[in-house]
Amino acid sequence: MATTRDVRSPRSRTLAALGLAAVICGVVLYFVALFALGGRLPGVRNHAVPSWILVGGGLALSALDVRQAARGRRLLAGLLAGTSGVLALAFAGFLYAVLAVPEASGPAIGSTAPDFALSDQHGRTVRLADFRGRPLLLVFYRGHW
């Protein structure tokens, strides 16, 4: 009498490993892009779309793995899917809770800037009012990367 084997088990382990690898690659990609391109592309910090595509794909592979695994072989698939889910939640928490920059109130667009005084490169005090009526370009950096 021939015995039947579970032919989905090796494939299931492959899907589980690919799912976890995709989630890890998505998280690592965010930090690589942030440090390599963050100065030239400041939107990379706040918009992690490529990373979320990889993380979402990894979670989908993990869910597919759990669904296709044989009844008695779902433990490994469940553990790897759970690890992928925890890693994705930690990534989301880091992005949207730890790195979240609260909105700061400021003057309305088009309003006159309040007067202030700074020292120039020669140590002389220069006031904003000194430039009233003349073209002037002010550049403000938000100071948080």
N, C-alpha and C. Protein backbone atom coordinates (compact mmCIF):
# COMPACT_ATOMS: atom_id res chain seq x y z
N MET A 1 0.85 -1.17 0.00
CA MET A 1 0.00 0.00 0.00
C MET A 1 0.90 1.24 0.00
N ALA A 2 0.62 2.16 -0.89
CA ALA A 2 1.43 3.37 -1.02
C ALA A 2 1.00 4.39 0.03
N THR A 3 1.98 5.08 0.56
CA THR A 3 1.68 6.13 1.54
C THR A 3 1.73 7.48 0.83
N THR A 4 0.94 8.38 1.33
CA THR A 4 0.95 9.73 0.75
C THR A 4 1.79 10.64 1.64
N ARG A 5 2.52 11.48 0.98
CA ARG A 5 3.34 12.45 1.72
C ARG A 5 2.74 13.84 1.55
N ASP A 6 3.05 14.69 2.47
CA ASP A 6 2.61 16.07 2.37
C ASP A 6 3.58 16.80 1.44
N VAL A 7 3.16 17.04 0.22
CA VAL A 7 4.06 17.66 -0.75
C VAL A 7 4.10 19.17 -0.58
N ARG A 8 3.22 19.73 0.22
CA ARG A 8 3.21 21.18 0.41
C ARG A 8 4.18 21.63 1.50
N SER A 9 4.70 20.75 2.29
CA SER A 9 5.54 21.13 3.41
C SER A 9 6.82 21.86 2.99
N PRO A 10 7.64 21.33 2.05
CA PRO A 10 8.85 22.07 1.67
C PRO A 10 8.51 23.42 1.04
N ARG A 11 7.48 23.46 0.21
CA ARG A 11 7.09 24.73 -0.40
C ARG A 11 6.62 25.70 0.66
N SER A 12 5.92 25.18 1.65
CA SER A 12 5.44 26.02 2.73
C SER A 12 6.60 26.65 3.48
N ARG A 13 7.62 25.87 3.74
CA ARG A 13 8.78 26.44 4.43
C ARG A 13 9.47 27.48 3.57
N THR A 14 9.47 27.27 2.25
CA THR A 14 10.06 28.24 1.35
C THR A 14 9.27 29.54 1.37
N LEU A 15 7.93 29.45 1.33
CA LEU A 15 7.11 30.66 1.39
C LEU A 15 7.29 31.39 2.71
N ALA A 16 7.38 30.63 3.79
CA ALA A 16 7.56 31.26 5.09
C ALA A 16 8.89 31.99 5.17
N ALA A 17 9.93 31.35 4.67
CA ALA A 17 11.25 31.99 4.69
C ALA A 17 11.27 33.21 3.78
N LEU A 18 10.65 33.11 2.60
CA LEU A 18 10.60 34.26 1.70
C LEU A 18 9.79 35.41 2.29
N GLY A 19 8.71 35.09 2.96
CA GLY A 19 7.90 36.13 3.60
C GLY A 19 8.67 36.87 4.67
N LEU A 20 9.35 36.14 5.54
CA LEU A 20 10.14 36.78 6.59
C LEU A 20 11.29 37.57 5.99
N ALA A 21 11.93 37.02 4.96
CA ALA A 21 13.04 37.73 4.30
C ALA A 21 12.56 39.02 3.66
N ALA A 22 11.37 39.01 3.06
CA ALA A 22 10.84 40.23 2.44
C ALA A 22 10.54 41.29 3.49
N VAL A 23 10.00 40.91 4.63
CA VAL A 23 9.74 41.87 5.70
C VAL A 23 11.05 42.47 6.21
N ILE A 24 12.04 41.63 6.43
CA ILE A 24 13.34 42.12 6.90
C ILE A 24 13.97 43.05 5.86
N CYS A 25 13.90 42.67 4.57
CA CYS A 25 14.45 43.52 3.51
C CYS A 25 13.73 44.86 3.45
N GLY A 26 12.43 44.86 3.65
CA GLY A 26 11.68 46.11 3.64
C GLY A 26 12.11 47.05 4.74
N VAL A 27 12.33 46.52 5.93
CA VAL A 27 12.76 47.35 7.06
C VAL A 27 14.18 47.85 6.82
N VAL A 28 15.06 46.98 6.38
CA VAL A 28 16.45 47.38 6.13
C VAL A 28 16.52 48.40 4.99
N LEU A 29 15.70 48.20 3.94
CA LEU A 29 15.68 49.14 2.82
C LEU A 29 15.35 50.55 3.27
N TYR A 30 14.44 50.70 4.21
CA TYR A 30 14.08 52.02 4.71
C TYR A 30 15.30 52.73 5.28
N PHE A 31 16.05 52.04 6.12
CA PHE A 31 17.20 52.68 6.76
C PHE A 31 18.34 52.93 5.77
N VAL A 32 18.54 52.02 4.83
CA VAL A 32 19.56 52.25 3.80
C VAL A 32 19.20 53.48 2.98
N ALA A 33 17.94 53.56 2.55
CA ALA A 33 17.50 54.71 1.76
C ALA A 33 17.55 55.99 2.58
N LEU A 34 17.21 55.90 3.85
CA LEU A 34 17.23 57.08 4.72
C LEU A 34 18.64 57.64 4.85
N PHE A 35 19.60 56.77 5.11
CA PHE A 35 20.96 57.26 5.31
C PHE A 35 21.67 57.59 4.00
N ALA A 36 21.35 56.87 2.93
CA ALA A 36 22.02 57.12 1.66
C ALA A 36 21.39 58.28 0.89
N LEU A 37 20.08 58.43 0.96
CA LEU A 37 19.39 59.43 0.15
C LEU A 37 18.66 60.49 0.96
N GLY A 38 18.70 60.39 2.26
CA GLY A 38 17.93 61.30 3.11
C GLY A 38 18.25 62.77 2.91
N GLY A 39 19.52 63.10 2.66
CA GLY A 39 19.89 64.50 2.46
C GLY A 39 19.41 65.05 1.13
N ARG A 40 19.41 64.20 0.11
CA ARG A 40 18.99 64.65 -1.23
C ARG A 40 17.49 64.51 -1.45
N LEU A 41 16.88 63.55 -0.78
CA LEU A 41 15.44 63.31 -0.92
C LEU A 41 14.79 63.29 0.46
N PRO A 42 14.46 64.45 1.02
CA PRO A 42 13.93 64.48 2.39
C PRO A 42 12.60 63.75 2.55
N GLY A 43 11.87 63.52 1.47
CA GLY A 43 10.61 62.80 1.57
C GLY A 43 10.78 61.34 1.93
N VAL A 44 12.01 60.82 1.78
CA VAL A 44 12.27 59.41 2.11
C VAL A 44 11.97 59.13 3.57
N ARG A 45 12.23 60.10 4.42
CA ARG A 45 12.04 59.90 5.86
C ARG A 45 10.56 59.69 6.21
N ASN A 46 9.70 60.44 5.56
CA ASN A 46 8.29 60.40 5.93
C ASN A 46 7.45 59.46 5.08
N HIS A 47 7.97 59.05 3.94
CA HIS A 47 7.18 58.21 3.03
C HIS A 47 7.97 56.95 2.71
N ALA A 48 7.65 55.88 3.38
CA ALA A 48 8.38 54.63 3.24
C ALA A 48 7.63 53.67 2.32
N VAL A 49 7.12 54.16 1.21
CA VAL A 49 6.28 53.35 0.32
C VAL A 49 6.99 52.10 -0.20
N PRO A 50 8.22 52.21 -0.74
CA PRO A 50 8.89 50.98 -1.21
C PRO A 50 9.08 49.95 -0.09
N SER A 51 9.40 50.43 1.09
CA SER A 51 9.57 49.52 2.22
C SER A 51 8.25 48.85 2.57
N TRP A 52 7.16 49.61 2.58
CA TRP A 52 5.87 49.03 2.92
C TRP A 52 5.40 48.04 1.87
N ILE A 53 5.78 48.24 0.61
CA ILE A 53 5.43 47.27 -0.43
C ILE A 53 6.11 45.94 -0.14
N LEU A 54 7.39 45.98 0.22
CA LEU A 54 8.10 44.74 0.57
C LEU A 54 7.53 44.10 1.83
N VAL A 55 7.27 44.92 2.85
CA VAL A 55 6.72 44.39 4.10
C VAL A 55 5.34 43.77 3.85
N GLY A 56 4.50 44.46 3.09
CA GLY A 56 3.17 43.92 2.78
C GLY A 56 3.25 42.63 1.98
N GLY A 57 4.17 42.58 1.01
CA GLY A 57 4.36 41.35 0.25
C GLY A 57 4.82 40.20 1.13
N GLY A 58 5.72 40.50 2.05
CA GLY A 58 6.18 39.47 2.98
C GLY A 58 5.08 38.97 3.89
N LEU A 59 4.24 39.88 4.36
CA LEU A 59 3.11 39.47 5.20
C LEU A 59 2.12 38.63 4.39
N ALA A 60 1.92 38.99 3.14
CA ALA A 60 1.01 38.21 2.28
C ALA A 60 1.56 36.81 2.05
N LEU A 61 2.86 36.69 1.79
CA LEU A 61 3.47 35.37 1.63
C LEU A 61 3.33 34.55 2.91
N SER A 62 3.53 35.19 4.05
CA SER A 62 3.41 34.48 5.31
C SER A 62 1.98 34.00 5.54
N ALA A 63 1.00 34.85 5.23
CA ALA A 63 -0.40 34.46 5.39
C ALA A 63 -0.75 33.33 4.43
N LEU A 64 -0.26 33.39 3.20
CA LEU A 64 -0.49 32.32 2.24
C LEU A 64 0.13 31.02 2.72
N ASP A 65 1.29 31.13 3.33
CA ASP A 65 1.97 29.96 3.86
C ASP A 65 1.15 29.29 4.96
N VAL A 66 0.63 30.08 5.87
CA VAL A 66 -0.18 29.52 6.96
C VAL A 66 -1.43 28.86 6.39
N ARG A 67 -2.01 29.49 5.39
CA ARG A 67 -3.24 28.94 4.81
C ARG A 67 -2.99 27.63 4.06
N GLN A 68 -1.87 27.54 3.35
CA GLN A 68 -1.60 26.36 2.53
C GLN A 68 -0.92 25.23 3.29
N ALA A 69 -0.41 25.51 4.45
CA ALA A 69 0.30 24.47 5.20
C ALA A 69 -0.68 23.38 5.62
N ALA A 70 -0.18 22.17 5.65
CA ALA A 70 -1.00 21.04 6.10
C ALA A 70 -1.39 21.26 7.56
N ARG A 71 -2.48 20.65 7.95
CA ARG A 71 -3.01 20.88 9.29
C ARG A 71 -1.99 20.64 10.39
N GLY A 72 -1.23 19.61 10.30
CA GLY A 72 -0.27 19.29 11.34
C GLY A 72 1.05 20.04 11.21
N ARG A 73 1.23 20.79 10.15
CA ARG A 73 2.50 21.46 9.90
C ARG A 73 2.38 22.98 9.90
N ARG A 74 1.42 23.49 10.58
CA ARG A 74 1.21 24.94 10.61
C ARG A 74 2.02 25.64 11.69
N LEU A 75 2.66 24.90 12.56
CA LEU A 75 3.40 25.53 13.66
C LEU A 75 4.54 26.40 13.13
N LEU A 76 5.38 25.83 12.27
CA LEU A 76 6.50 26.60 11.72
C LEU A 76 5.99 27.78 10.92
N ALA A 77 4.98 27.55 10.10
CA ALA A 77 4.41 28.64 9.30
C ALA A 77 3.83 29.72 10.20
N GLY A 78 3.16 29.33 11.26
CA GLY A 78 2.59 30.29 12.20
C GLY A 78 3.66 31.08 12.93
N LEU A 79 4.72 30.41 13.34
CA LEU A 79 5.82 31.11 14.03
C LEU A 79 6.49 32.13 13.12
N LEU A 80 6.75 31.74 11.88
CA LEU A 80 7.40 32.68 10.95
C LEU A 80 6.45 33.82 10.58
N ALA A 81 5.18 33.52 10.40
CA ALA A 81 4.20 34.57 10.10
C ALA A 81 4.06 35.51 11.30
N GLY A 82 4.05 34.97 12.50
CA GLY A 82 3.98 35.80 13.70
C GLY A 82 5.20 36.69 13.85
N THR A 83 6.38 36.14 13.55
CA THR A 83 7.60 36.94 13.60
C THR A 83 7.54 38.07 12.57
N SER A 84 7.04 37.76 11.37
CA SER A 84 6.89 38.80 10.34
C SER A 84 5.92 39.88 10.80
N GLY A 85 4.82 39.47 11.41
CA GLY A 85 3.84 40.44 11.89
C GLY A 85 4.37 41.33 13.00
N VAL A 86 5.09 40.73 13.94
CA VAL A 86 5.67 41.52 15.03
C VAL A 86 6.70 42.50 14.49
N LEU A 87 7.52 42.06 13.55
CA LEU A 87 8.52 42.95 12.95
C LEU A 87 7.84 44.10 12.20
N ALA A 88 6.76 43.81 11.47
CA ALA A 88 6.03 44.86 10.75
C ALA A 88 5.40 45.85 11.73
N LEU A 89 4.84 45.36 12.82
CA LEU A 89 4.26 46.26 13.83
C LEU A 89 5.32 47.12 14.50
N ALA A 90 6.47 46.54 14.78
CA ALA A 90 7.56 47.31 15.38
C ALA A 90 8.05 48.39 14.41
N PHE A 91 8.13 48.06 13.14
CA PHE A 91 8.54 49.03 12.12
C PHE A 91 7.52 50.18 12.04
N ALA A 92 6.24 49.83 12.03
CA ALA A 92 5.19 50.86 11.98
C ALA A 92 5.24 51.74 13.23
N GLY A 93 5.43 51.14 14.38
CA GLY A 93 5.54 51.91 15.61
C GLY A 93 6.73 52.85 15.60
N PHE A 94 7.84 52.36 15.08
CA PHE A 94 9.04 53.20 14.99
C PHE A 94 8.81 54.37 14.05
N LEU A 95 8.21 54.10 12.89
CA LEU A 95 8.00 55.16 11.90
C LEU A 95 6.99 56.20 12.35
N TYR A 96 5.86 55.73 12.89
CA TYR A 96 4.75 56.64 13.13
C TYR A 96 4.57 57.07 14.57
N ALA A 97 5.35 56.52 15.48
CA ALA A 97 5.28 56.97 16.87
C ALA A 97 6.60 57.58 17.32
N VAL A 98 7.69 56.87 17.08
CA VAL A 98 9.00 57.36 17.54
C VAL A 98 9.49 58.52 16.68
N LEU A 99 9.39 58.40 15.36
CA LEU A 99 9.90 59.43 14.46
C LEU A 99 8.89 60.51 14.13
N ALA A 100 7.69 60.41 14.64
CA ALA A 100 6.66 61.38 14.30
C ALA A 100 7.05 62.76 14.81
N VAL A 101 6.98 63.73 13.94
CA VAL A 101 7.29 65.11 14.31
C VAL A 101 5.96 65.83 14.47
N PRO A 102 5.69 66.34 15.67
CA PRO A 102 4.41 67.02 15.86
C PRO A 102 4.35 68.31 15.05
N GLU A 103 3.14 68.65 14.64
CA GLU A 103 2.98 69.89 13.90
C GLU A 103 3.23 71.06 14.82
N ALA A 104 3.93 72.04 14.29
CA ALA A 104 4.22 73.25 15.05
C ALA A 104 3.43 74.40 14.45
N SER A 105 2.83 75.18 15.30
CA SER A 105 2.11 76.33 14.79
C SER A 105 3.11 77.43 14.45
N GLY A 106 2.77 78.22 13.51
CA GLY A 106 3.66 79.31 13.09
C GLY A 106 2.84 80.41 12.49
N PRO A 107 3.50 81.40 11.98
CA PRO A 107 2.76 82.50 11.36
C PRO A 107 2.06 82.03 10.10
N ALA A 108 1.00 82.72 9.74
CA ALA A 108 0.25 82.38 8.54
C ALA A 108 1.07 82.70 7.30
N ILE A 109 0.84 81.94 6.25
CA ILE A 109 1.55 82.17 4.99
C ILE A 109 1.19 83.55 4.48
N GLY A 110 2.21 84.29 4.10
CA GLY A 110 2.03 85.64 3.56
C GLY A 110 2.06 86.73 4.61
N SER A 111 2.11 86.37 5.89
CA SER A 111 2.16 87.40 6.93
C SER A 111 3.57 87.94 7.07
N THR A 112 3.70 89.10 7.65
CA THR A 112 5.00 89.74 7.85
C THR A 112 5.75 89.01 8.95
N ALA A 113 7.02 88.76 8.70
CA ALA A 113 7.85 88.08 9.70
C ALA A 113 8.11 89.02 10.88
N PRO A 114 8.12 88.49 12.09
CA PRO A 114 8.44 89.34 13.24
C PRO A 114 9.90 89.77 13.18
N ASP A 115 10.16 90.93 13.72
CA ASP A 115 11.52 91.46 13.69
C ASP A 115 12.43 90.62 14.61
N PHE A 116 13.65 90.39 14.17
CA PHE A 116 14.64 89.68 14.98
C PHE A 116 16.01 90.23 14.65
N ALA A 117 16.98 89.92 15.49
CA ALA A 117 18.35 90.40 15.30
C ALA A 117 19.31 89.22 15.41
N LEU A 118 20.31 89.21 14.52
CA LEU A 118 21.36 88.20 14.51
C LEU A 118 22.70 88.86 14.25
N SER A 119 23.75 88.13 14.56
CA SER A 119 25.10 88.63 14.27
C SER A 119 25.52 88.15 12.89
N ASP A 120 26.16 89.04 12.12
CA ASP A 120 26.66 88.63 10.81
C ASP A 120 28.06 88.04 10.96
N GLN A 121 28.72 87.76 9.82
CA GLN A 121 30.03 87.11 9.86
C GLN A 121 31.12 88.00 10.46
N HIS A 122 30.84 89.31 10.57
CA HIS A 122 31.82 90.24 11.17
C HIS A 122 31.48 90.58 12.61
N GLY A 123 30.45 90.00 13.14
CA GLY A 123 30.08 90.22 14.53
C GLY A 123 29.14 91.40 14.74
N ARG A 124 28.73 92.08 13.67
CA ARG A 124 27.81 93.21 13.79
C ARG A 124 26.38 92.68 13.89
N THR A 125 25.55 93.38 14.67
CA THR A 125 24.16 92.99 14.81
C THR A 125 23.37 93.51 13.62
N VAL A 126 22.63 92.61 13.01
CA VAL A 126 21.80 92.94 11.86
C VAL A 126 20.36 92.59 12.22
N ARG A 127 19.45 93.52 11.95
CA ARG A 127 18.04 93.32 12.26
C ARG A 127 17.26 93.12 10.97
N LEU A 128 16.18 92.40 11.05
CA LEU A 128 15.33 92.22 9.89
C LEU A 128 14.78 93.55 9.39
N ALA A 129 14.49 94.44 10.31
CA ALA A 129 13.95 95.76 9.94
C ALA A 129 14.93 96.55 9.08
N ASP A 130 16.23 96.25 9.15
CA ASP A 130 17.22 96.95 8.33
C ASP A 130 16.99 96.71 6.84
N PHE A 131 16.30 95.65 6.49
CA PHE A 131 16.09 95.28 5.08
C PHE A 131 14.67 95.61 4.60
N ARG A 132 13.88 96.26 5.42
CA ARG A 132 12.49 96.55 5.04
C ARG A 132 12.48 97.39 3.75
N GLY A 133 11.66 96.95 2.80
CA GLY A 133 11.53 97.65 1.53
C GLY A 133 12.54 97.19 0.49
N ARG A 134 13.47 96.31 0.85
CA ARG A 134 14.46 95.79 -0.08
C ARG A 134 14.26 94.28 -0.23
N PRO A 135 14.61 93.74 -1.39
CA PRO A 135 14.46 92.28 -1.55
C PRO A 135 15.35 91.53 -0.56
N LEU A 136 14.79 90.47 0.02
CA LEU A 136 15.53 89.67 1.00
C LEU A 136 15.01 88.25 0.94
N LEU A 137 15.91 87.31 0.98
CA LEU A 137 15.55 85.91 0.99
C LEU A 137 15.93 85.33 2.35
N LEU A 138 14.95 84.81 3.08
CA LEU A 138 15.19 84.14 4.35
C LEU A 138 14.98 82.65 4.15
N VAL A 139 15.89 81.85 4.66
CA VAL A 139 15.78 80.40 4.56
C VAL A 139 15.76 79.85 5.98
N PHE A 140 14.72 79.08 6.30
CA PHE A 140 14.58 78.48 7.62
C PHE A 140 14.66 76.97 7.47
N TYR A 141 15.44 76.34 8.30
CA TYR A 141 15.52 74.88 8.34
C TYR A 141 14.75 74.42 9.57
N ARG A 142 14.03 73.32 9.40
CA ARG A 142 13.23 72.87 10.51
C ARG A 142 14.05 72.23 11.62
N GLY A 143 15.29 71.87 11.33
CA GLY A 143 16.19 71.40 12.38
C GLY A 143 15.98 69.99 12.85
N HIS A 144 15.15 69.20 12.19
CA HIS A 144 14.94 67.81 12.59
C HIS A 144 14.97 66.93 11.36
N TRP A 145 15.88 65.99 11.32
CA TRP A 145 15.98 65.11 10.16
C TRP A 145 15.44 63.81 10.56
